[in-house]
C-alpha atoms as a PDB file:
ATOM      1  CA  MET A   1     -99.862-126.506  86.291  1.00  0.00           C
ATOM      2  CA  PHE A   2    -103.329-125.272  86.500  1.00  0.00           C
ATOM      3  CA  GLY A   3    -103.782-126.442  89.932  1.00  0.00           C
ATOM      4  CA  SER A   4    -107.732-126.299  91.077  1.00  0.00           C
ATOM      5  CA  CYS A   5    -108.633-124.714  87.731  1.00  0.00           C
ATOM      6  CA  LEU A   6    -111.913-125.724  85.648  1.00  0.00           C
ATOM      7  CA  PRO A   7    -111.328-129.319  84.680  1.00  0.00           C
ATOM      8  CA  GLY A   8    -110.779-130.194  88.655  1.00  0.00           C
ATOM      9  CA  TRP A   9    -113.617-128.282  89.640  1.00  0.00           C
ATOM     10  CA  CYS A  10    -115.947-129.931  87.345  1.00  0.00           C
ATOM     11  CA  ALA A  11    -114.737-133.214  87.768  1.00  0.00           C
ATOM     12  CA  GLY A  12    -114.989-132.394  91.706  1.00  0.00           C
ATOM     13  CA  GLU A  13    -118.588-130.817  91.186  1.00  0.00           C
ATOM     14  CA  TRP A  14    -119.942-134.013  89.159  1.00  0.00           C
ATOM     15  CA  ALA A  15    -118.280-136.798  91.664  1.00  0.00           C
ATOM     16  CA  ARG A  16    -120.162-135.177  94.491  1.00  0.00           C
ATOM     17  CA  ALA A  17    -123.356-135.143  93.074  1.00  0.00           C
ATOM     18  CA  GLY A  18    -123.047-139.188  92.504  1.00  0.00           C
ATOM     19  CA  GLY A  19    -122.640-138.644  88.795  1.00  0.00           C
ATOM     20  CA  SER A  20    -125.018-135.918  87.826  1.00  0.00           C
ATOM     21  CA  PRO A  21    -124.529-132.035  87.924  1.00  0.00           C
ATOM     22  CA  SER A  22    -124.926-130.502  91.125  1.00  0.00           C
ATOM     23  CA  CYS A  23    -126.365-127.222  91.749  1.00  0.00           C
ATOM     24  CA  SER A  24    -123.002-125.627  91.400  1.00  0.00           C
ATOM     25  CA  GLY A  25    -122.089-127.827  88.539  1.00  0.00           C
ATOM     26  CA  CYS A  26    -120.430-127.040  85.337  1.00  0.00           C
ATOM     27  CA  PRO A  27    -121.378-124.549  83.407  1.00  0.00           C
ATOM     28  CA  GLY A  28    -123.495-125.467  80.302  1.00  0.00           C
ATOM     29  CA  SER A  29    -124.697-128.293  82.244  1.00  0.00           C
ATOM     30  CA  PRO A  30    -128.733-129.729  81.925  1.00  0.00           C
ATOM     31  CA  SER A  31    -129.160-128.472  85.421  1.00  0.00           C
ATOM     32  CA  VAL A  32    -128.216-125.099  86.449  1.00  0.00           C
ATOM     33  CA  SER A  33    -128.888-123.391  90.128  1.00  0.00           C
ATOM     34  CA  ARG A  34    -129.571-120.536  91.267  1.00  0.00           C
ATOM     35  CA  SER A  35    -126.411-120.086  92.835  1.00  0.00           C
ATOM     36  CA  CYS A  36    -124.735-120.171  88.928  1.00  0.00           C
ATOM     37  CA  SER A  37    -127.030-117.642  87.868  1.00  0.00           C
ATOM     38  CA  GLY A  38    -124.304-115.007  88.794  1.00  0.00           C
ATOM     39  CA  ASP A  39    -121.589-114.065  90.835  1.00  0.00           C
ATOM     40  CA  THR A  40    -121.580-111.304  93.389  1.00  0.00           C
ATOM     41  CA  PRO A  41    -118.548-108.774  94.057  1.00  0.00           C
ATOM     42  CA  ARG A  42    -116.942-109.423  97.677  1.00  0.00           C
ATOM     43  CA  ALA A  43    -115.681-106.631  99.892  1.00  0.00           C
ATOM     44  CA  VAL A  44    -111.978-106.817  99.774  1.00  0.00           C
ATOM     45  CA  ASP A  45    -109.162-104.861 100.812  1.00  0.00           C
ATOM     46  CA  PRO A  46    -107.605-104.165  96.578  1.00  0.00           C
ATOM     47  CA  VAL A  47    -103.934-103.292  98.242  1.00  0.00           C
ATOM     48  CA  ALA A  48    -103.970-106.657 100.299  1.00  0.00           C
ATOM     49  CA  VAL A  49    -105.400-108.520  96.961  1.00  0.00           C
ATOM     50  CA  ALA A  50    -103.114-106.962  94.333  1.00  0.00           C
ATOM     51  CA  VAL A  51     -99.995-107.504  96.635  1.00  0.00           C
ATOM     52  CA  GLY A  52    -101.271-111.287  97.570  1.00  0.00           C
ATOM     53  CA  GLN A  53    -101.817-112.475  94.245  1.00  0.00           C
ATOM     54  CA  LEU A  54     -98.700-110.546  92.796  1.00  0.00           C
ATOM     55  CA  GLY A  55     -96.851-112.690  95.179  1.00  0.00           C
ATOM     56  CA  LEU A  56     -98.419-115.883  94.442  1.00  0.00           C
ATOM     57  CA  LEU A  57     -97.897-115.107  90.537  1.00  0.00           C
ATOM     58  CA  ALA A  58     -94.082-114.258  91.033  1.00  0.00           C
ATOM     59  CA  VAL A  59     -93.740-117.842  92.930  1.00  0.00           C
ATOM     60  CA  ASN A  60     -96.028-119.809  89.935  1.00  0.00           C
ATOM     61  CA  PHE A  61     -93.980-117.975  87.326  1.00  0.00           C
ATOM     62  CA  ALA A  62     -90.493-118.822  89.067  1.00  0.00           C
ATOM     63  CA  LEU A  63     -90.925-122.144  90.280  1.00  0.00           C
ATOM     64  CA  VAL A  64     -93.626-123.754  87.643  1.00  0.00           C
ATOM     65  CA  ASN A  65     -94.826-121.990  84.388  1.00  0.00           C
ATOM     66  CA  LEU A  66     -91.440-120.622  83.216  1.00  0.00           C
ATOM     67  CA  TRP A  67     -89.970-124.637  83.276  1.00  0.00           C
ATOM     68  CA  GLU A  68     -93.684-125.913  82.120  1.00  0.00           C
ATOM     69  CA  GLU A  69     -93.414-123.755  79.258  1.00  0.00           C
ATOM     70  CA  SER A  70     -90.219-124.195  78.296  1.00  0.00           C
ATOM     71  CA  ALA A  71     -91.250-127.474  77.593  1.00  0.00           C
ATOM     72  CA  TRP A  72     -94.319-127.198  76.203  1.00  0.00           C
ATOM     73  CA  ALA A  73     -94.249-124.239  74.370  1.00  0.00           C
ATOM     74  CA  GLY A  74     -90.079-124.054  73.852  1.00  0.00           C
ATOM     75  CA  PHE A  75     -90.030-127.508  73.073  1.00  0.00           C
ATOM     76  CA  LEU A  76     -92.726-129.394  71.503  1.00  0.00           C
ATOM     77  CA  GLN A  77     -95.207-126.937  70.306  1.00  0.00           C
ATOM     78  CA  SER A  78     -92.542-125.156  68.529  1.00  0.00           C
ATOM     79  CA  ARG A  79     -90.901-128.291  66.903  1.00  0.00           C
ATOM     80  CA  LEU A  80     -94.547-129.665  65.781  1.00  0.00           C
ATOM     81  CA  GLY A  81     -94.936-126.042  64.248  1.00  0.00           C
ATOM     82  CA  GLN A  82     -92.158-126.847  61.674  1.00  0.00           C
ATOM     83  CA  ARG A  83     -94.117-129.335  60.329  1.00  0.00           C
ATOM     84  CA  HIS A  84     -97.830-128.454  60.775  1.00  0.00           C
ATOM     85  CA  ASN A  85     -99.673-125.038  60.936  1.00  0.00           C
ATOM     86  CA  LEU A  86     -99.819-123.125  64.342  1.00  0.00           C
ATOM     87  CA  PHE A  87    -103.407-124.429  65.281  1.00  0.00           C
ATOM     88  CA  VAL A  88    -102.595-128.599  64.401  1.00  0.00           C
ATOM     89  CA  ALA A  89     -99.445-128.007  66.448  1.00  0.00           C
ATOM     90  CA  ALA A  90    -101.284-126.637  69.571  1.00  0.00           C
ATOM     91  CA  LEU A  91    -103.862-129.213  69.510  1.00  0.00           C
ATOM     92  CA  ILE A  92    -101.392-131.661  68.906  1.00  0.00           C
ATOM     93  CA  THR A  93     -99.656-130.737  71.996  1.00  0.00           C
ATOM     94  CA  ALA A  94    -102.908-130.514  73.856  1.00  0.00           C
ATOM     95  CA  VAL A  95    -103.022-134.472  74.022  1.00  0.00           C
ATOM     96  CA  PRO A  96     -99.990-134.885  75.970  1.00  0.00           C
ATOM     97  CA  PHE A  97    -100.489-131.283  77.503  1.00  0.00           C
ATOM     98  CA  ALA A  98    -103.957-133.010  78.897  1.00  0.00           C
ATOM     99  CA  PHE A  99    -102.271-136.000  80.153  1.00  0.00           C
ATOM    100  CA  ALA A 100     -99.934-134.430  82.211  1.00  0.00           C
ATOM    101  CA  HIS A 101    -102.221-132.527  84.184  1.00  0.00           C
ATOM    102  CA  TRP A 102    -104.435-135.534  84.832  1.00  0.00           C
ATOM    103  CA  PRO A 103    -103.158-136.568  88.036  1.00  0.00           C
ATOM    104  CA  LEU A 104    -104.648-133.680  89.580  1.00  0.00           C
ATOM    105  CA  ALA A 105    -107.877-134.926  89.217  1.00  0.00           C
ATOM    106  CA  PHE A 106    -107.040-137.502  91.758  1.00  0.00           C
ATOM    107  CA  LEU A 107    -107.055-135.114  94.264  1.00  0.00           C
ATOM    108  CA  GLY A 108    -109.372-135.526  96.896  1.00  0.00           C
ATOM    109  CA  GLU A 109    -112.617-137.846  96.437  1.00  0.00           C
ATOM    110  CA  VAL A 110    -111.964-140.029  93.309  1.00  0.00           C
ATOM    111  CA  THR A 111    -114.505-142.105  91.474  1.00  0.00           C
ATOM    112  CA  VAL A 112    -114.493-143.529  87.967  1.00  0.00           C
ATOM    113  CA  ALA A 113    -116.682-140.606  86.802  1.00  0.00           C
ATOM    114  CA  SER A 114    -114.470-137.846  88.390  1.00  0.00           C
ATOM    115  CA  VAL A 115    -111.654-139.031  86.574  1.00  0.00           C
ATOM    116  CA  ALA A 116    -113.180-139.567  83.102  1.00  0.00           C
ATOM    117  CA  VAL A 117    -114.474-136.350  83.181  1.00  0.00           C
ATOM    118  CA  GLY A 118    -111.394-134.778  84.482  1.00  0.00           C
ATOM    119  CA  LEU A 119    -109.683-135.835  81.407  1.00  0.00           C
ATOM    120  CA  ALA A 120    -112.200-134.673  79.057  1.00  0.00           C
ATOM    121  CA  ALA A 121    -112.335-131.395  80.739  1.00  0.00           C
ATOM    122  CA  TYR A 122    -108.491-131.064  80.218  1.00  0.00           C
ATOM    123  CA  LEU A 123    -108.435-132.405  76.794  1.00  0.00           C
ATOM    124  CA  ALA A 124    -111.148-129.227  76.378  1.00  0.00           C
ATOM    125  CA  LEU A 125    -109.131-127.009  78.062  1.00  0.00           C
ATOM    126  CA  GLY A 126    -105.960-127.990  76.383  1.00  0.00           C
ATOM    127  CA  VAL A 127    -107.747-127.493  72.958  1.00  0.00           C
ATOM    128  CA  ILE A 128    -108.707-123.835  74.226  1.00  0.00           C
ATOM    129  CA  PHE A 129    -105.448-123.248  76.069  1.00  0.00           C
ATOM    130  CA  ARG A 130    -102.644-124.266  73.342  1.00  0.00           C
ATOM    131  CA  PRO A 131    -103.741-122.478  70.441  1.00  0.00           C
ATOM    132  CA  MET A 132    -103.864-119.197  72.767  1.00  0.00           C
ATOM    133  CA  ILE A 133    -100.576-120.408  73.777  1.00  0.00           C
ATOM    134  CA  GLY A 134     -99.433-120.637  70.103  1.00  0.00           C
ATOM    135  CA  VAL A 135    -100.542-117.273  68.984  1.00  0.00           C
ATOM    136  CA  PHE A 136     -98.889-115.549  71.679  1.00  0.00           C
ATOM    137  CA  LEU A 137     -95.411-117.324  71.177  1.00  0.00           C
ATOM    138  CA  GLN A 138     -95.517-116.801  67.641  1.00  0.00           C
ATOM    139  CA  GLY A 139     -96.604-112.834  67.901  1.00  0.00           C
ATOM    140  CA  THR A 140     -93.432-112.182  70.658  1.00  0.00           C
ATOM    141  CA  ARG A 141     -91.234-113.853  68.545  1.00  0.00           C
ATOM    142  CA  GLY A 142     -91.085-117.002  70.038  1.00  0.00           C
ATOM    143  CA  SER A 143     -90.427-115.493  73.895  1.00  0.00           C
ATOM    144  CA  VAL A 144     -91.167-118.166  75.848  1.00  0.00           C
ATOM    145  CA  LEU A 145     -90.615-116.045  78.812  1.00  0.00           C
ATOM    146  CA  ALA A 146     -93.986-113.518  77.682  1.00  0.00           C
ATOM    147  CA  VAL A 147     -95.871-117.095  77.331  1.00  0.00           C
ATOM    148  CA  ALA A 148     -94.910-118.124  80.636  1.00  0.00           C
ATOM    149  CA  VAL A 149     -95.953-114.901  82.113  1.00  0.00           C
ATOM    150  CA  LEU A 150     -99.158-115.349  80.081  1.00  0.00           C
ATOM    151  CA  HIS A 151     -99.596-118.885  81.791  1.00  0.00           C
ATOM    152  CA  SER A 152     -99.183-117.425  85.193  1.00  0.00           C
ATOM    153  CA  VAL A 153    -101.683-114.762  85.171  1.00  0.00           C
ATOM    154  CA  PHE A 154    -104.266-117.304  83.288  1.00  0.00           C
ATOM    155  CA  ASN A 155    -103.501-119.572  86.452  1.00  0.00           C
ATOM    156  CA  ARG A 156    -103.838-116.489  88.718  1.00  0.00           C
ATOM    157  CA  THR A 157    -107.306-115.533  87.373  1.00  0.00           C
ATOM    158  CA  ASN A 158    -108.743-118.771  87.240  1.00  0.00           C
ATOM    159  CA  ASN A 159    -107.488-120.926  90.160  1.00  0.00           C
ATOM    160  CA  ASP A 160    -109.250-120.895  93.463  1.00  0.00           C
ATOM    161  CA  ASN A 161    -107.118-118.610  95.218  1.00  0.00           C
ATOM    162  CA  GLY A 162    -106.796-116.450  92.311  1.00  0.00           C
ATOM    163  CA  ILE A 163    -107.791-113.109  91.438  1.00  0.00           C
ATOM    164  CA  ALA A 164    -111.402-114.096  90.323  1.00  0.00           C
ATOM    165  CA  ALA A 165    -112.182-116.435  93.229  1.00  0.00           C
ATOM    166  CA  ALA A 166    -111.111-113.090  95.825  1.00  0.00           C
ATOM    167  CA  LEU A 167    -113.044-110.728  93.963  1.00  0.00           C
ATOM    168  CA  LEU A 168    -116.255-112.956  93.519  1.00  0.00           C
ATOM    169  CA  ASP A 169    -118.609-115.006  94.874  1.00  0.00           C
ATOM    170  CA  GLY A 170    -119.611-117.960  93.059  1.00  0.00           C
ATOM    171  CA  GLU A 171    -118.438-120.123  90.187  1.00  0.00           C
ATOM    172  CA  LEU A 172    -120.117-118.449  86.749  1.00  0.00           C
ATOM    173  CA  TYR A 173    -116.696-116.409  86.438  1.00  0.00           C
ATOM    174  CA  ARG A 174    -114.543-119.988  85.385  1.00  0.00           C
ATOM    175  CA  LEU A 175    -116.854-120.252  82.295  1.00  0.00           C
ATOM    176  CA  GLY A 176    -116.147-116.024  81.649  1.00  0.00           C
ATOM    177  CA  ILE A 177    -112.747-116.600  81.652  1.00  0.00           C
ATOM    178  CA  LEU A 178    -112.779-119.324  79.192  1.00  0.00           C
ATOM    179  CA  ILE A 179    -115.158-117.357  77.008  1.00  0.00           C
ATOM    180  CA  ALA A 180    -112.145-114.469  77.388  1.00  0.00           C
ATOM    181  CA  VAL A 181    -109.476-116.604  76.328  1.00  0.00           C
ATOM    182  CA  ILE A 182    -111.329-117.745  73.467  1.00  0.00           C
ATOM    183  CA  VAL A 183    -111.914-114.225  72.339  1.00  0.00           C
ATOM    184  CA  LEU A 184    -108.255-113.328  73.182  1.00  0.00           C
ATOM    185  CA  ILE A 185    -107.231-115.930  70.569  1.00  0.00           C
ATOM    186  CA  GLY A 186    -109.282-114.214  68.008  1.00  0.00           C
ATOM    187  CA  GLY A 187    -108.072-110.950  69.192  1.00  0.00           C
ATOM    188  CA  LEU A 188    -104.347-111.954  68.968  1.00  0.00           C
ATOM    189  CA  ALA A 189    -104.480-113.828  65.774  1.00  0.00           C
ATOM    190  CA  LEU A 190    -105.946-110.462  63.985  1.00  0.00           C
ATOM    191  CA  ALA A 191    -103.353-108.408  65.952  1.00  0.00           C
ATOM    192  CA  ALA A 192    -100.208-111.020  64.758  1.00  0.00           C
ATOM    193  CA  GLY A 193    -101.656-111.072  60.989  1.00  0.00           C
ATOM    194  CA  ARG A 194    -101.768-114.170  58.796  1.00  0.00           C
ATOM    195  CA  GLN A 195     -98.391-114.255  57.718  1.00  0.00           C
ATOM    196  CA  ARG A 196     -97.160-114.155  61.159  1.00  0.00           C
ATOM    197  CA  LEU A 197     -99.379-117.431  62.466  1.00  0.00           C
ATOM    198  CA  SER A 198     -97.997-119.148  59.618  1.00  0.00           C
ATOM    199  CA  ARG A 199     -95.423-122.232  59.249  1.00  0.00           C
ATOM    200  CA  ALA A 200     -92.987-120.399  57.262  1.00  0.00           C
ATOM    201  CA  TYR A 201     -92.722-117.749  60.014  1.00  0.00           C
ATOM    202  CA  ARG A 202     -91.924-120.679  62.523  1.00  0.00           C
ATOM    203  CA  LEU A 203     -89.219-121.643  60.377  1.00  0.00           C
ATOM    204  CA  GLU A 204     -88.382-118.142  59.841  1.00  0.00           C
ATOM    205  CA  LEU A 205     -88.279-117.949  63.841  1.00  0.00           C
ATOM    206  CA  ASP A 206     -86.174-121.014  64.245  1.00  0.00           C
ATOM    207  CA  ALA A 207     -83.361-119.977  61.368  1.00  0.00           C
ATOM    208  CA  ASN A 208     -83.258-116.160  62.995  1.00  0.00           C
ATOM    209  CA  PRO A 209     -83.551-116.585  66.239  1.00  0.00           C
ATOM    210  CA  GLY A 210     -82.251-113.026  67.303  1.00  0.00           C
ATOM    211  CA  GLY A 211     -84.801-111.137  65.637  1.00  0.00           C
ATOM    212  CA  GLY A 212     -82.414-109.044  63.511  1.00  0.00           C
ATOM    213  CA  ARG A 213     -81.913-108.942  59.698  1.00  0.00           C
ATOM    214  CA  THR A 214     -79.530-111.716  58.245  1.00  0.00           C
ATOM    215  CA  ALA A 215     -76.513-110.231  56.411  1.00  0.00           C
ATOM    216  CA  VAL A 216     -75.795-111.634  52.789  1.00  0.00           C
ATOM    217  CA  GLN A 217     -72.305-112.905  52.804  1.00  0.00           C
ATOM    218  CA  THR A 218     -71.178-112.162  49.097  1.00  0.00           C
ATOM    219  CA  PRO A 219     -67.840-113.908  48.152  1.00  0.00           C
ATOM    220  CA  ARG A 220     -64.936-112.228  48.041  1.00  0.00           C
ATOM    221  CA  HIS A 221     -62.549-112.056  45.384  1.00  0.00           C
ATOM    222  CA  SER A 222     -58.818-111.419  45.449  1.00  0.00           C
ATOM    223  CA  GLY A 223     -57.309-108.351  43.758  1.00  0.00           C
ATOM    224  CA  ARG A 224     -55.185-110.445  41.332  1.00  0.00           C
ATOM    225  CA  ARG A 225     -56.791-111.499  37.878  1.00  0.00           C
ATOM    226  CA  ARG A 226     -57.092-114.901  36.833  1.00  0.00           C
ATOM    227  CA  THR A 227     -54.924-114.827  33.372  1.00  0.00           C
ATOM    228  CA  ARG A 228     -55.576-117.969  30.797  1.00  0.00           C
ATOM    229  CA  SER A 229     -52.710-119.641  29.997  1.00  0.00           C
ATOM    230  CA  HIS A 230     -53.293-119.898  26.014  1.00  0.00           C
ATOM    231  CA  ARG A 231     -51.149-122.982  25.150  1.00  0.00           C
ATOM    232  CA  MET A 232     -50.466-123.057  21.530  1.00  0.00           C
ATOM    233  CA  PRO A 233     -51.195-126.792  20.239  1.00  0.00           C
ATOM    234  CA  GLU A 234     -48.081-128.921  19.350  1.00  0.00           C
ATOM    235  CA  ALA A 235     -48.863-128.873  15.673  1.00  0.00           C
ATOM    236  CA  HIS A 236     -48.892-125.013  15.079  1.00  0.00           C
ATOM    237  CA  GLN A 237     -45.424-125.061  17.073  1.00  0.00           C
ATOM    238  CA  ARG A 238     -43.809-127.723  14.808  1.00  0.00           C
ATOM    239  CA  GLU A 239     -44.834-125.374  11.926  1.00  0.00           C
ATOM    240  CA  ALA A 240     -43.754-121.896  13.497  1.00  0.00           C
ATOM    241  CA  ALA A 241     -40.773-123.826  14.039  1.00  0.00           C
ATOM    242  CA  ILE A 242     -40.223-124.987  10.341  1.00  0.00           C
ATOM    243  CA  ARG A 243     -40.710-121.061   9.086  1.00  0.00           C
ATOM    244  CA  THR A 244     -38.019-119.894  11.178  1.00  0.00           C
ATOM    245  CA  THR A 245     -35.310-122.050  10.106  1.00  0.00           C
END
C-alpha cells in the first residue's frame, strides 16, 4: 500500500485549507507558497538513515508489497495483458488499484472534498504507476519478485517517513518523484524494446514461464517398415486359376 503518499497528502492539504490549496498545497495548484519553491537538505546521519530505511524496506516488502503485487501484477495485470497491449492493461488495472487505496483518504480529518480529491489523486497516480510496473514486469520476464521490490523502493522514496522526507525539508520532492517515474517509464520502455512490450511477448511469457527455449518434439518412427498388402482383385485370381489348370 502507498501509505501517506502523494494522493493522501494532496487530499489532506486540500481539506485543511477548506477546499482551496494551502501554502504547502499540491504541486501545480494555482497558489503555491514560498515553502513550495524548493526543498532544503537536512543534516542527517547517513548510516542511521540507510539502516532505518533498509529495515522499513524489508518490512514493507515482506508484509505488504510482495503479496500486493502478486495480485495486481502477477494476476490481474498479466491476465489483462493477454487480451490488451501493455499500457491498456496497466490503465485498466489502475482503476481497481485506485479504489483499493481509496480508504487511505479517510484517515485523519475527512470532508467530501478531501475524499473526492483523494480518489482522483489515486486514479492519477495509478495511471502513472501501473504502466511503470507493467514495463518492469515484462522487462524482467514476468518477475513478480522484482516488481514487488520496485514497489517497495517507490514507497520508501515517496512516503512521509521515506528517504526523501528524511533527507529534505519541504514537499516539492513529491512532484519530483512523479516526474522521475514518468522518465523511468520512458527509459525502461526504450531499454525493453517494442517487441518485449507487445501482447505477443506477454503470451510467450505465459506459455513459457521458465524462460528457456522450448524443444520441438519430433515424432518417433518405429524401426519396422510398414508394408503394403497388395491384395489381388478377385477377378484376377479366378483368371490366374483358369490359366494354371
